[in-house]
Amino acid sequence: MAESTKSVALIDYGAGNIRNVEKAFEAVGVATSRTSDPARVAAADVIVMPGVGAFGEMMGALRERGLVEPLREAARAGKPLLGICVGLQVLFEVGEEMGEHEGLGLFPGRVRRFQVEPLKVPHVGWNQIYPTTDHALFDGISSGDYVYFVHSYHVAPTDPSLVLATTEYGIDFPAICGCENILGIQFHPEKSQQSGLRMLANFARWAGVV
């Protein structure tokens, strides 16, 4: 893949996986720029939000850095935006982790804890994804390919058309959501070996980065 021709802002709000996401994009030939500067986020062509930890903590960190409105504006302006793990979850209106917390509100719906007894929560490890629609993100990806998850909460969209792929863990839940210029991935592509790297490369092409 050729070098990036557009600026890709990698949102740095203190997430533990940011270096791994950065390296994964490097592996597919895409240069990203870590930033917590609202002006740089506003000026970026493409935005990636990695995420680990709790919904409320991530939203608090975004607010502290003045990033909530620049992210909302970028999404409204049609800029490609990718959320990963908790970065997907905060795209929704409300998270229910340790109380109720307001999200970015880019997608309608809530984030709920798994109720999948007797299965263990958190859901950790390799599981299969099943695309529900055609999308550029799935170029070279087969239904049933394995990817790596670490999470206790799942998104529950009020609009079923947002769901681009599902995974089964006691229940069928959304593994990937998207609408127009916004995409969110529940699993960790940076930990998902070739399938994850392929999807990051596909995202870069879809976003016009290369």
N, C-alpha and C. Protein backbone atom coordinates (compact mmCIF):
# COMPACT_ATOMS: atom_id res chain seq x y z
N MET A 1 0.84 -1.19 0.00
CA MET A 1 0.00 0.00 0.00
C MET A 1 0.88 1.24 0.00
N ALA A 2 0.52 2.25 -0.75
CA ALA A 2 1.30 3.47 -0.84
C ALA A 2 1.15 4.30 0.42
N GLU A 3 2.03 5.31 0.54
CA GLU A 3 1.95 6.19 1.69
C GLU A 3 0.64 6.97 1.70
N SER A 4 0.23 7.37 2.90
CA SER A 4 -1.01 8.12 3.05
C SER A 4 -0.93 9.44 2.29
N THR A 5 -2.02 9.81 1.66
CA THR A 5 -2.12 11.10 0.98
C THR A 5 -3.01 12.07 1.74
N LYS A 6 -3.64 11.60 2.82
CA LYS A 6 -4.46 12.45 3.67
C LYS A 6 -3.99 12.30 5.11
N SER A 7 -4.28 13.31 5.91
CA SER A 7 -3.88 13.25 7.32
C SER A 7 -4.85 12.39 8.11
N VAL A 8 -4.29 11.49 8.92
CA VAL A 8 -5.09 10.59 9.75
C VAL A 8 -4.77 10.90 11.20
N ALA A 9 -5.75 11.44 11.93
CA ALA A 9 -5.57 11.77 13.34
C ALA A 9 -5.93 10.56 14.19
N LEU A 10 -4.98 10.13 15.01
CA LEU A 10 -5.20 9.04 15.96
C LEU A 10 -5.42 9.68 17.32
N ILE A 11 -6.65 9.61 17.82
CA ILE A 11 -7.02 10.36 19.02
C ILE A 11 -6.30 9.80 20.24
N ASP A 12 -5.51 10.64 20.89
CA ASP A 12 -4.73 10.24 22.06
C ASP A 12 -5.36 10.86 23.30
N TYR A 13 -6.16 10.06 23.99
CA TYR A 13 -6.79 10.53 25.23
C TYR A 13 -6.33 9.69 26.41
N GLY A 14 -5.25 8.90 26.20
CA GLY A 14 -4.73 8.06 27.26
C GLY A 14 -5.06 6.59 27.15
N ALA A 15 -5.62 6.16 26.01
CA ALA A 15 -5.97 4.75 25.82
C ALA A 15 -4.72 3.89 25.77
N GLY A 16 -4.77 2.74 26.43
CA GLY A 16 -3.59 1.89 26.51
C GLY A 16 -3.20 1.22 25.21
N ASN A 17 -4.11 1.14 24.25
CA ASN A 17 -3.80 0.41 23.02
C ASN A 17 -3.38 1.31 21.87
N ILE A 18 -3.13 2.58 22.14
CA ILE A 18 -2.90 3.50 21.02
C ILE A 18 -1.65 3.15 20.23
N ARG A 19 -0.57 2.75 20.90
CA ARG A 19 0.65 2.41 20.16
C ARG A 19 0.43 1.18 19.28
N ASN A 20 -0.33 0.21 19.78
CA ASN A 20 -0.60 -0.99 18.97
C ASN A 20 -1.42 -0.65 17.73
N VAL A 21 -2.39 0.27 17.88
CA VAL A 21 -3.17 0.69 16.72
C VAL A 21 -2.27 1.44 15.73
N GLU A 22 -1.42 2.30 16.26
CA GLU A 22 -0.49 3.04 15.41
C GLU A 22 0.40 2.08 14.61
N LYS A 23 0.94 1.06 15.29
CA LYS A 23 1.81 0.08 14.62
C LYS A 23 1.05 -0.74 13.59
N ALA A 24 -0.22 -1.06 13.90
CA ALA A 24 -1.02 -1.83 12.94
C ALA A 24 -1.25 -1.03 11.66
N PHE A 25 -1.54 0.25 11.78
CA PHE A 25 -1.67 1.07 10.58
C PHE A 25 -0.34 1.19 9.84
N GLU A 26 0.76 1.32 10.59
CA GLU A 26 2.07 1.35 9.94
C GLU A 26 2.30 0.08 9.13
N ALA A 27 1.85 -1.05 9.68
CA ALA A 27 2.05 -2.33 9.00
C ALA A 27 1.34 -2.42 7.67
N VAL A 28 0.28 -1.63 7.48
CA VAL A 28 -0.43 -1.62 6.20
C VAL A 28 -0.12 -0.35 5.40
N GLY A 29 0.95 0.34 5.80
CA GLY A 29 1.44 1.47 5.01
C GLY A 29 0.73 2.77 5.23
N VAL A 30 0.07 2.93 6.37
CA VAL A 30 -0.68 4.16 6.64
C VAL A 30 -0.05 4.89 7.83
N ALA A 31 0.38 6.10 7.60
CA ALA A 31 0.95 6.93 8.66
C ALA A 31 -0.19 7.64 9.39
N THR A 32 -0.17 7.58 10.70
CA THR A 32 -1.13 8.30 11.53
C THR A 32 -0.39 9.31 12.39
N SER A 33 -1.13 10.26 12.91
CA SER A 33 -0.54 11.28 13.78
C SER A 33 -1.30 11.31 15.08
N ARG A 34 -0.63 10.92 16.16
CA ARG A 34 -1.28 10.97 17.47
C ARG A 34 -1.55 12.41 17.88
N THR A 35 -2.72 12.66 18.40
CA THR A 35 -3.01 14.02 18.85
C THR A 35 -4.12 14.05 19.88
N SER A 36 -4.03 15.00 20.80
CA SER A 36 -5.13 15.32 21.69
C SER A 36 -5.50 16.79 21.54
N ASP A 37 -5.03 17.39 20.45
CA ASP A 37 -5.25 18.81 20.17
C ASP A 37 -6.54 18.99 19.38
N PRO A 38 -7.55 19.67 19.93
CA PRO A 38 -8.81 19.84 19.21
C PRO A 38 -8.64 20.47 17.82
N ALA A 39 -7.71 21.41 17.68
CA ALA A 39 -7.51 22.06 16.39
C ALA A 39 -6.96 21.09 15.35
N ARG A 40 -6.06 20.20 15.77
CA ARG A 40 -5.52 19.21 14.85
C ARG A 40 -6.57 18.17 14.48
N VAL A 41 -7.42 17.83 15.43
CA VAL A 41 -8.52 16.91 15.12
C VAL A 41 -9.46 17.55 14.11
N ALA A 42 -9.77 18.82 14.31
CA ALA A 42 -10.67 19.53 13.40
C ALA A 42 -10.08 19.63 12.00
N ALA A 43 -8.74 19.72 11.90
CA ALA A 43 -8.09 19.88 10.60
C ALA A 43 -7.82 18.56 9.90
N ALA A 44 -7.92 17.43 10.60
CA ALA A 44 -7.59 16.13 10.01
C ALA A 44 -8.59 15.73 8.94
N ASP A 45 -8.11 14.94 8.00
CA ASP A 45 -8.98 14.41 6.95
C ASP A 45 -9.74 13.17 7.41
N VAL A 46 -9.09 12.36 8.25
CA VAL A 46 -9.63 11.08 8.71
C VAL A 46 -9.32 10.98 10.20
N ILE A 47 -10.24 10.37 10.96
CA ILE A 47 -10.08 10.27 12.41
C ILE A 47 -10.24 8.82 12.85
N VAL A 48 -9.33 8.38 13.74
CA VAL A 48 -9.40 7.04 14.34
C VAL A 48 -9.41 7.20 15.85
N MET A 49 -10.39 6.57 16.50
CA MET A 49 -10.50 6.60 17.97
C MET A 49 -10.27 5.20 18.53
N PRO A 50 -9.06 4.91 19.02
CA PRO A 50 -8.87 3.64 19.72
C PRO A 50 -9.53 3.71 21.08
N GLY A 51 -9.71 2.56 21.73
CA GLY A 51 -10.35 2.61 23.03
C GLY A 51 -10.17 1.34 23.82
N VAL A 52 -9.84 1.50 25.08
CA VAL A 52 -9.89 0.43 26.07
C VAL A 52 -10.41 1.05 27.36
N GLY A 53 -10.93 0.21 28.26
CA GLY A 53 -11.41 0.73 29.53
C GLY A 53 -12.91 0.95 29.51
N ALA A 54 -13.35 1.93 30.31
CA ALA A 54 -14.77 2.14 30.55
C ALA A 54 -15.31 3.29 29.71
N PHE A 55 -16.58 3.16 29.33
CA PHE A 55 -17.29 4.17 28.52
C PHE A 55 -17.21 5.55 29.17
N GLY A 56 -17.60 5.65 30.46
CA GLY A 56 -17.62 6.94 31.13
C GLY A 56 -16.25 7.56 31.24
N GLU A 57 -15.24 6.73 31.49
CA GLU A 57 -13.86 7.24 31.59
C GLU A 57 -13.40 7.81 30.25
N MET A 58 -13.73 7.12 29.17
CA MET A 58 -13.32 7.63 27.86
C MET A 58 -14.01 8.94 27.55
N MET A 59 -15.32 9.01 27.79
CA MET A 59 -16.02 10.27 27.52
C MET A 59 -15.47 11.39 28.40
N GLY A 60 -15.15 11.09 29.66
CA GLY A 60 -14.57 12.10 30.53
C GLY A 60 -13.23 12.60 30.00
N ALA A 61 -12.42 11.68 29.51
CA ALA A 61 -11.12 12.06 28.97
C ALA A 61 -11.27 12.90 27.71
N LEU A 62 -12.24 12.56 26.87
CA LEU A 62 -12.49 13.37 25.67
C LEU A 62 -12.96 14.77 26.04
N ARG A 63 -13.82 14.87 27.04
CA ARG A 63 -14.30 16.19 27.47
C ARG A 63 -13.16 17.03 28.04
N GLU A 64 -12.35 16.41 28.89
CA GLU A 64 -11.23 17.15 29.51
C GLU A 64 -10.31 17.76 28.46
N ARG A 65 -10.16 17.09 27.34
CA ARG A 65 -9.26 17.55 26.29
C ARG A 65 -9.96 18.42 25.24
N GLY A 66 -11.25 18.67 25.45
CA GLY A 66 -11.98 19.51 24.51
C GLY A 66 -12.22 18.86 23.16
N LEU A 67 -12.36 17.52 23.15
CA LEU A 67 -12.43 16.79 21.89
C LEU A 67 -13.85 16.39 21.48
N VAL A 68 -14.82 16.53 22.37
CA VAL A 68 -16.16 16.04 22.06
C VAL A 68 -16.76 16.78 20.87
N GLU A 69 -16.78 18.10 20.91
CA GLU A 69 -17.39 18.85 19.81
C GLU A 69 -16.60 18.74 18.51
N PRO A 70 -15.25 18.78 18.52
CA PRO A 70 -14.52 18.56 17.26
C PRO A 70 -14.83 17.19 16.63
N LEU A 71 -15.00 16.17 17.45
CA LEU A 71 -15.35 14.85 16.91
C LEU A 71 -16.75 14.86 16.30
N ARG A 72 -17.69 15.46 17.01
CA ARG A 72 -19.05 15.55 16.47
C ARG A 72 -19.08 16.36 15.18
N GLU A 73 -18.34 17.46 15.15
CA GLU A 73 -18.31 18.30 13.95
C GLU A 73 -17.67 17.56 12.78
N ALA A 74 -16.59 16.83 13.04
CA ALA A 74 -15.94 16.08 11.98
C ALA A 74 -16.89 15.03 11.39
N ALA A 75 -17.63 14.37 12.27
CA ALA A 75 -18.60 13.37 11.80
C ALA A 75 -19.69 14.02 10.97
N ARG A 76 -20.20 15.16 11.44
CA ARG A 76 -21.26 15.86 10.70
C ARG A 76 -20.75 16.39 9.36
N ALA A 77 -19.46 16.71 9.31
CA ALA A 77 -18.87 17.23 8.07
C ALA A 77 -18.59 16.14 7.05
N GLY A 78 -18.82 14.89 7.41
CA GLY A 78 -18.63 13.80 6.47
C GLY A 78 -17.23 13.22 6.44
N LYS A 79 -16.40 13.55 7.43
CA LYS A 79 -15.05 12.99 7.46
C LYS A 79 -15.10 11.53 7.91
N PRO A 80 -14.33 10.65 7.28
CA PRO A 80 -14.30 9.26 7.73
C PRO A 80 -13.81 9.16 9.17
N LEU A 81 -14.55 8.40 9.98
CA LEU A 81 -14.24 8.25 11.40
C LEU A 81 -14.37 6.78 11.76
N LEU A 82 -13.34 6.24 12.41
CA LEU A 82 -13.33 4.85 12.84
C LEU A 82 -13.17 4.79 14.35
N GLY A 83 -14.10 4.12 15.05
CA GLY A 83 -13.97 3.86 16.47
C GLY A 83 -13.66 2.40 16.71
N ILE A 84 -12.75 2.13 17.64
CA ILE A 84 -12.31 0.76 17.94
C ILE A 84 -12.63 0.44 19.40
N CYS A 85 -13.31 -0.67 19.63
CA CYS A 85 -13.68 -1.17 20.95
C CYS A 85 -14.51 -0.12 21.69
N VAL A 86 -14.01 0.47 22.78
CA VAL A 86 -14.80 1.51 23.44
C VAL A 86 -14.98 2.71 22.51
N GLY A 87 -14.08 2.87 21.55
CA GLY A 87 -14.24 3.90 20.53
C GLY A 87 -15.47 3.70 19.67
N LEU A 88 -15.92 2.45 19.50
CA LEU A 88 -17.23 2.18 18.89
C LEU A 88 -18.33 2.55 19.87
N GLN A 89 -18.20 2.12 21.11
CA GLN A 89 -19.29 2.29 22.07
C GLN A 89 -19.65 3.75 22.28
N VAL A 90 -18.66 4.64 22.34
CA VAL A 90 -18.97 6.05 22.61
C VAL A 90 -19.59 6.74 21.41
N LEU A 91 -19.66 6.08 20.27
CA LEU A 91 -20.40 6.65 19.14
C LEU A 91 -21.90 6.70 19.43
N PHE A 92 -22.36 5.89 20.40
CA PHE A 92 -23.78 5.79 20.70
C PHE A 92 -24.21 6.83 21.74
N GLU A 93 -25.49 6.85 22.02
CA GLU A 93 -26.07 7.92 22.85
C GLU A 93 -25.76 7.76 24.33
N VAL A 94 -25.88 6.53 24.84
CA VAL A 94 -25.77 6.30 26.29
C VAL A 94 -25.02 5.01 26.55
N GLY A 95 -24.11 5.06 27.53
CA GLY A 95 -23.45 3.86 28.03
C GLY A 95 -23.90 3.57 29.44
N GLU A 96 -24.12 2.29 29.75
CA GLU A 96 -24.66 1.89 31.05
C GLU A 96 -23.60 1.33 31.99
N GLU A 97 -22.33 1.56 31.69
CA GLU A 97 -21.25 1.02 32.51
C GLU A 97 -21.01 1.92 33.72
N MET A 98 -21.24 1.38 34.94
CA MET A 98 -21.06 2.13 36.18
C MET A 98 -21.90 3.41 36.17
N GLY A 99 -23.20 3.23 35.97
CA GLY A 99 -24.11 4.37 35.84
C GLY A 99 -24.39 4.67 34.39
N GLU A 100 -25.14 5.71 34.14
CA GLU A 100 -25.45 6.12 32.76
C GLU A 100 -24.57 7.30 32.37
N HIS A 101 -24.01 7.21 31.17
CA HIS A 101 -23.10 8.25 30.70
C HIS A 101 -23.48 8.63 29.28
N GLU A 102 -23.45 9.91 29.01
CA GLU A 102 -23.75 10.40 27.66
C GLU A 102 -22.58 10.13 26.73
N GLY A 103 -22.89 9.58 25.54
CA GLY A 103 -21.88 9.36 24.53
C GLY A 103 -21.85 10.49 23.52
N LEU A 104 -21.19 10.24 22.40
CA LEU A 104 -21.12 11.24 21.35
C LEU A 104 -22.46 11.41 20.64
N GLY A 105 -23.30 10.39 20.69
CA GLY A 105 -24.63 10.50 20.10
C GLY A 105 -24.65 10.50 18.59
N LEU A 106 -23.65 9.91 17.96
CA LEU A 106 -23.60 9.86 16.50
C LEU A 106 -24.48 8.73 15.96
N PHE A 107 -24.68 7.69 16.78
CA PHE A 107 -25.58 6.59 16.45
C PHE A 107 -26.65 6.50 17.52
N PRO A 108 -27.91 6.18 17.16
CA PRO A 108 -28.95 5.98 18.18
C PRO A 108 -28.80 4.61 18.84
N GLY A 109 -28.92 4.60 20.16
CA GLY A 109 -28.85 3.33 20.88
C GLY A 109 -28.04 3.45 22.15
N ARG A 110 -27.90 2.31 22.84
CA ARG A 110 -27.25 2.26 24.14
C ARG A 110 -26.16 1.19 24.14
N VAL A 111 -25.35 1.22 25.19
CA VAL A 111 -24.30 0.23 25.41
C VAL A 111 -24.63 -0.50 26.69
N ARG A 112 -24.81 -1.83 26.60
CA ARG A 112 -25.33 -2.62 27.71
C ARG A 112 -24.37 -3.74 28.09
N ARG A 113 -24.42 -4.13 29.35
CA ARG A 113 -23.60 -5.24 29.83
C ARG A 113 -24.13 -6.56 29.30
N PHE A 114 -23.22 -7.47 28.99
CA PHE A 114 -23.62 -8.81 28.59
C PHE A 114 -24.41 -9.49 29.71
N GLN A 115 -25.52 -10.11 29.33
CA GLN A 115 -26.29 -10.98 30.22
C GLN A 115 -26.32 -12.35 29.53
N VAL A 116 -25.26 -13.13 29.74
CA VAL A 116 -25.08 -14.36 28.96
C VAL A 116 -24.72 -15.55 29.85
N GLU A 117 -25.18 -15.53 31.11
CA GLU A 117 -24.90 -16.64 32.00
C GLU A 117 -25.30 -17.97 31.34
N PRO A 118 -24.49 -19.03 31.49
CA PRO A 118 -23.32 -19.18 32.37
C PRO A 118 -21.98 -18.78 31.72
N LEU A 119 -22.02 -18.14 30.56
CA LEU A 119 -20.76 -17.72 29.95
C LEU A 119 -20.10 -16.63 30.78
N LYS A 120 -18.78 -16.58 30.70
CA LYS A 120 -18.03 -15.61 31.48
C LYS A 120 -18.11 -14.22 30.85
N VAL A 121 -18.12 -13.22 31.70
CA VAL A 121 -18.00 -11.82 31.30
C VAL A 121 -16.83 -11.25 32.10
N PRO A 122 -15.85 -10.62 31.43
CA PRO A 122 -15.87 -10.15 30.05
C PRO A 122 -15.72 -11.27 29.02
N HIS A 123 -16.15 -10.94 27.83
CA HIS A 123 -15.94 -11.77 26.64
C HIS A 123 -14.52 -11.49 26.16
N VAL A 124 -13.65 -12.49 26.31
CA VAL A 124 -12.25 -12.34 25.97
C VAL A 124 -11.83 -13.48 25.05
N GLY A 125 -11.21 -13.14 23.93
CA GLY A 125 -10.63 -14.16 23.08
C GLY A 125 -11.11 -14.08 21.64
N TRP A 126 -10.78 -15.12 20.90
CA TRP A 126 -11.07 -15.18 19.47
C TRP A 126 -12.50 -15.63 19.24
N ASN A 127 -13.18 -14.92 18.35
CA ASN A 127 -14.54 -15.29 17.99
C ASN A 127 -14.78 -14.90 16.54
N GLN A 128 -15.83 -15.48 15.96
CA GLN A 128 -16.09 -15.29 14.54
C GLN A 128 -17.01 -14.09 14.29
N ILE A 129 -16.78 -13.44 13.15
CA ILE A 129 -17.66 -12.35 12.73
C ILE A 129 -18.42 -12.78 11.47
N TYR A 130 -19.63 -12.25 11.35
CA TYR A 130 -20.51 -12.59 10.24
C TYR A 130 -21.04 -11.30 9.62
N PRO A 131 -20.46 -10.86 8.52
CA PRO A 131 -20.98 -9.66 7.86
C PRO A 131 -22.44 -9.83 7.47
N THR A 132 -23.21 -8.76 7.65
CA THR A 132 -24.63 -8.79 7.33
C THR A 132 -24.95 -7.99 6.08
N THR A 133 -23.95 -7.35 5.50
CA THR A 133 -24.15 -6.53 4.31
C THR A 133 -22.84 -6.40 3.58
N ASP A 134 -22.89 -5.97 2.33
CA ASP A 134 -21.67 -5.69 1.59
C ASP A 134 -21.11 -4.35 2.03
N HIS A 135 -19.82 -4.31 2.26
CA HIS A 135 -19.15 -3.05 2.61
C HIS A 135 -17.69 -3.19 2.23
N ALA A 136 -17.08 -2.09 1.86
CA ALA A 136 -15.67 -2.10 1.48
C ALA A 136 -14.78 -2.63 2.59
N LEU A 137 -15.21 -2.50 3.85
CA LEU A 137 -14.42 -3.00 4.97
C LEU A 137 -14.19 -4.50 4.90
N PHE A 138 -15.06 -5.22 4.19
CA PHE A 138 -15.00 -6.68 4.16
C PHE A 138 -14.30 -7.24 2.93
N ASP A 139 -13.65 -6.41 2.16
CA ASP A 139 -12.90 -6.91 1.01
C ASP A 139 -11.83 -7.89 1.49
N GLY A 140 -11.91 -9.13 1.01
CA GLY A 140 -10.95 -10.15 1.41
C GLY A 140 -11.25 -10.80 2.75
N ILE A 141 -12.36 -10.45 3.36
CA ILE A 141 -12.79 -11.03 4.64
C ILE A 141 -13.93 -12.00 4.38
N SER A 142 -13.84 -13.18 4.99
CA SER A 142 -14.88 -14.21 4.82
C SER A 142 -15.78 -14.27 6.03
N SER A 143 -17.04 -14.61 5.80
CA SER A 143 -17.95 -14.85 6.90
C SER A 143 -17.41 -15.98 7.76
N GLY A 144 -17.31 -15.74 9.07
CA GLY A 144 -16.76 -16.74 9.97
C GLY A 144 -15.29 -16.54 10.30
N ASP A 145 -14.66 -15.52 9.73
CA ASP A 145 -13.26 -15.24 10.09
C ASP A 145 -13.18 -14.87 11.58
N TYR A 146 -12.05 -15.23 12.18
CA TYR A 146 -11.85 -14.99 13.61
C TYR A 146 -11.15 -13.66 13.87
N VAL A 147 -11.61 -12.98 14.92
CA VAL A 147 -11.00 -11.73 15.38
C VAL A 147 -10.97 -11.76 16.91
N TYR A 148 -10.26 -10.79 17.51
CA TYR A 148 -9.99 -10.85 18.95
C TYR A 148 -10.79 -9.79 19.71
N PHE A 149 -11.54 -10.26 20.71
CA PHE A 149 -12.41 -9.41 21.52
C PHE A 149 -11.93 -9.33 22.97
N VAL A 150 -12.13 -8.17 23.59
CA VAL A 150 -12.00 -8.00 25.04
C VAL A 150 -13.03 -6.95 25.45
N HIS A 151 -14.17 -7.39 26.01
CA HIS A 151 -15.19 -6.42 26.42
C HIS A 151 -16.25 -7.08 27.28
N SER A 152 -16.86 -6.25 28.14
CA SER A 152 -17.96 -6.70 29.00
C SER A 152 -19.29 -6.12 28.57
N TYR A 153 -19.26 -5.12 27.70
CA TYR A 153 -20.46 -4.41 27.25
C TYR A 153 -20.54 -4.48 25.74
N HIS A 154 -21.77 -4.45 25.23
CA HIS A 154 -21.99 -4.50 23.78
C HIS A 154 -22.96 -3.40 23.38
N VAL A 155 -22.87 -2.97 22.14
CA VAL A 155 -23.78 -1.93 21.67
C VAL A 155 -25.13 -2.54 21.32
N ALA A 156 -26.17 -1.75 21.53
CA ALA A 156 -27.55 -2.15 21.22
C ALA A 156 -28.20 -1.03 20.41
N PRO A 157 -27.97 -1.02 19.09
CA PRO A 157 -28.51 0.06 18.25
C PRO A 157 -30.03 0.01 18.19
N THR A 158 -30.67 1.18 18.13
CA THR A 158 -32.10 1.21 17.91
C THR A 158 -32.43 1.11 16.43
N ASP A 159 -31.45 1.32 15.57
CA ASP A 159 -31.62 1.20 14.13
C ASP A 159 -30.86 -0.03 13.64
N PRO A 160 -31.55 -1.12 13.29
CA PRO A 160 -30.87 -2.35 12.88
C PRO A 160 -29.98 -2.17 11.65
N SER A 161 -30.25 -1.16 10.83
CA SER A 161 -29.45 -0.97 9.62
C SER A 161 -28.02 -0.53 9.93
N LEU A 162 -27.76 -0.12 11.18
CA LEU A 162 -26.41 0.25 11.57
C LEU A 162 -25.48 -0.95 11.68
N VAL A 163 -26.03 -2.15 11.84
CA VAL A 163 -25.22 -3.34 12.09
C VAL A 163 -24.67 -3.87 10.78
N LEU A 164 -23.33 -3.88 10.67
CA LEU A 164 -22.66 -4.37 9.46
C LEU A 164 -22.13 -5.79 9.62
N ALA A 165 -21.91 -6.21 10.87
CA ALA A 165 -21.44 -7.58 11.13
C ALA A 165 -21.82 -7.94 12.56
N THR A 166 -22.05 -9.22 12.79
CA THR A 166 -22.42 -9.70 14.12
C THR A 166 -21.44 -10.77 14.59
N THR A 167 -21.51 -11.02 15.90
CA THR A 167 -20.77 -12.11 16.55
C THR A 167 -21.71 -12.75 17.54
N GLU A 168 -21.52 -14.05 17.80
CA GLU A 168 -22.35 -14.76 18.76
C GLU A 168 -21.54 -15.06 20.02
N TYR A 169 -22.05 -14.56 21.15
CA TYR A 169 -21.49 -14.92 22.46
C TYR A 169 -22.65 -14.96 23.44
N GLY A 170 -23.33 -16.09 23.46
CA GLY A 170 -24.56 -16.21 24.24
C GLY A 170 -25.74 -15.55 23.55
N ILE A 171 -25.49 -14.40 22.95
CA ILE A 171 -26.47 -13.69 22.12
C ILE A 171 -25.75 -13.25 20.85
N ASP A 172 -26.51 -12.91 19.84
CA ASP A 172 -25.93 -12.25 18.67
C ASP A 172 -25.82 -10.77 19.00
N PHE A 173 -24.63 -10.21 18.85
CA PHE A 173 -24.44 -8.79 19.13
C PHE A 173 -23.64 -8.15 17.99
N PRO A 174 -23.72 -6.83 17.83
CA PRO A 174 -23.03 -6.17 16.73
C PRO A 174 -21.51 -6.14 16.95
N ALA A 175 -20.79 -6.67 15.97
CA ALA A 175 -19.33 -6.62 15.99
C ALA A 175 -18.82 -5.39 15.27
N ILE A 176 -19.56 -4.95 14.26
CA ILE A 176 -19.20 -3.76 13.49
C ILE A 176 -20.48 -2.98 13.20
N CYS A 177 -20.43 -1.68 13.40
CA CYS A 177 -21.54 -0.80 13.04
C CYS A 177 -21.05 0.29 12.11
N GLY A 178 -21.95 0.81 11.31
CA GLY A 178 -21.55 1.88 10.42
C GLY A 178 -22.73 2.55 9.76
N CYS A 179 -22.51 3.80 9.38
CA CYS A 179 -23.49 4.57 8.62
C CYS A 179 -22.74 5.70 7.94
N GLU A 180 -22.85 5.74 6.62
CA GLU A 180 -22.21 6.79 5.82
C GLU A 180 -20.72 6.86 6.15
N ASN A 181 -20.24 7.96 6.72
CA ASN A 181 -18.80 8.15 6.92
C ASN A 181 -18.28 7.62 8.25
N ILE A 182 -19.15 7.02 9.07
CA ILE A 182 -18.75 6.59 10.41
C ILE A 182 -18.78 5.07 10.52
N LEU A 183 -17.68 4.50 11.05
CA LEU A 183 -17.58 3.07 11.28
C LEU A 183 -17.10 2.82 12.70
N GLY A 184 -17.56 1.72 13.29
CA GLY A 184 -17.09 1.32 14.61
C GLY A 184 -16.92 -0.18 14.67
N ILE A 185 -15.82 -0.62 15.29
CA ILE A 185 -15.45 -2.04 15.38
C ILE A 185 -15.34 -2.41 16.86
N GLN A 186 -16.09 -3.41 17.31
CA GLN A 186 -16.05 -3.80 18.71
C GLN A 186 -14.79 -4.56 19.07
N PHE A 187 -14.29 -5.39 18.18
CA PHE A 187 -13.09 -6.17 18.47
C PHE A 187 -11.85 -5.30 18.26
N HIS A 188 -10.69 -5.90 18.51
CA HIS A 188 -9.43 -5.18 18.35
C HIS A 188 -8.74 -5.62 17.06
N PRO A 189 -8.84 -4.84 15.98
CA PRO A 189 -8.18 -5.23 14.74
C PRO A 189 -6.67 -5.29 14.90
N GLU A 190 -6.13 -4.47 15.80
CA GLU A 190 -4.68 -4.46 16.00
C GLU A 190 -4.17 -5.74 16.67
N LYS A 191 -5.10 -6.54 17.23
CA LYS A 191 -4.74 -7.83 17.84
C LYS A 191 -5.27 -9.02 17.04
N SER A 192 -5.87 -8.74 15.90
CA SER A 192 -6.59 -9.78 15.15
C SER A 192 -5.83 -10.31 13.95
N GLN A 193 -4.51 -10.17 13.99
CA GLN A 193 -3.63 -10.74 12.98
C GLN A 193 -4.05 -10.30 11.58
N GLN A 194 -4.01 -11.22 10.60
CA GLN A 194 -4.21 -10.81 9.21
C GLN A 194 -5.60 -10.27 8.93
N SER A 195 -6.62 -10.84 9.57
CA SER A 195 -7.97 -10.33 9.34
C SER A 195 -8.10 -8.88 9.81
N GLY A 196 -7.52 -8.59 10.97
CA GLY A 196 -7.59 -7.23 11.49
C GLY A 196 -6.82 -6.25 10.64
N LEU A 197 -5.61 -6.64 10.22
CA LEU A 197 -4.82 -5.76 9.36
C LEU A 197 -5.52 -5.52 8.03
N ARG A 198 -6.15 -6.56 7.51
CA ARG A 198 -6.86 -6.40 6.24
C ARG A 198 -7.98 -5.37 6.37
N MET A 199 -8.70 -5.42 7.48
CA MET A 199 -9.79 -4.46 7.66
C MET A 199 -9.27 -3.04 7.85
N LEU A 200 -8.14 -2.88 8.52
CA LEU A 200 -7.57 -1.54 8.64
C LEU A 200 -7.12 -1.02 7.28
N ALA A 201 -6.53 -1.90 6.47
CA ALA A 201 -6.15 -1.49 5.11
C ALA A 201 -7.39 -1.15 4.29
N ASN A 202 -8.44 -1.94 4.45
CA ASN A 202 -9.69 -1.66 3.74
C ASN A 202 -10.29 -0.33 4.18
N PHE A 203 -10.23 -0.06 5.49
CA PHE A 203 -10.72 1.22 5.99
C PHE A 203 -9.95 2.38 5.35
N ALA A 204 -8.63 2.24 5.27
CA ALA A 204 -7.81 3.30 4.69
C ALA A 204 -8.18 3.56 3.24
N ARG A 205 -8.43 2.50 2.49
CA ARG A 205 -8.83 2.67 1.09
C ARG A 205 -10.22 3.31 1.00
N TRP A 206 -11.14 2.81 1.82
CA TRP A 206 -12.51 3.34 1.84
C TRP A 206 -12.51 4.82 2.21
N ALA A 207 -11.62 5.20 3.12
CA ALA A 207 -11.55 6.58 3.58
C ALA A 207 -10.78 7.49 2.63
N GLY A 208 -10.21 6.90 1.56
CA GLY A 208 -9.48 7.70 0.59
C GLY A 208 -8.11 8.13 1.08
N VAL A 209 -7.59 7.41 2.05
CA VAL A 209 -6.27 7.75 2.59
C VAL A 209 -5.18 7.44 1.57
N VAL A 210 -5.37 6.37 0.81
CA VAL A 210 -4.37 5.95 -0.17
C VAL A 210 -5.04 5.78 -1.52
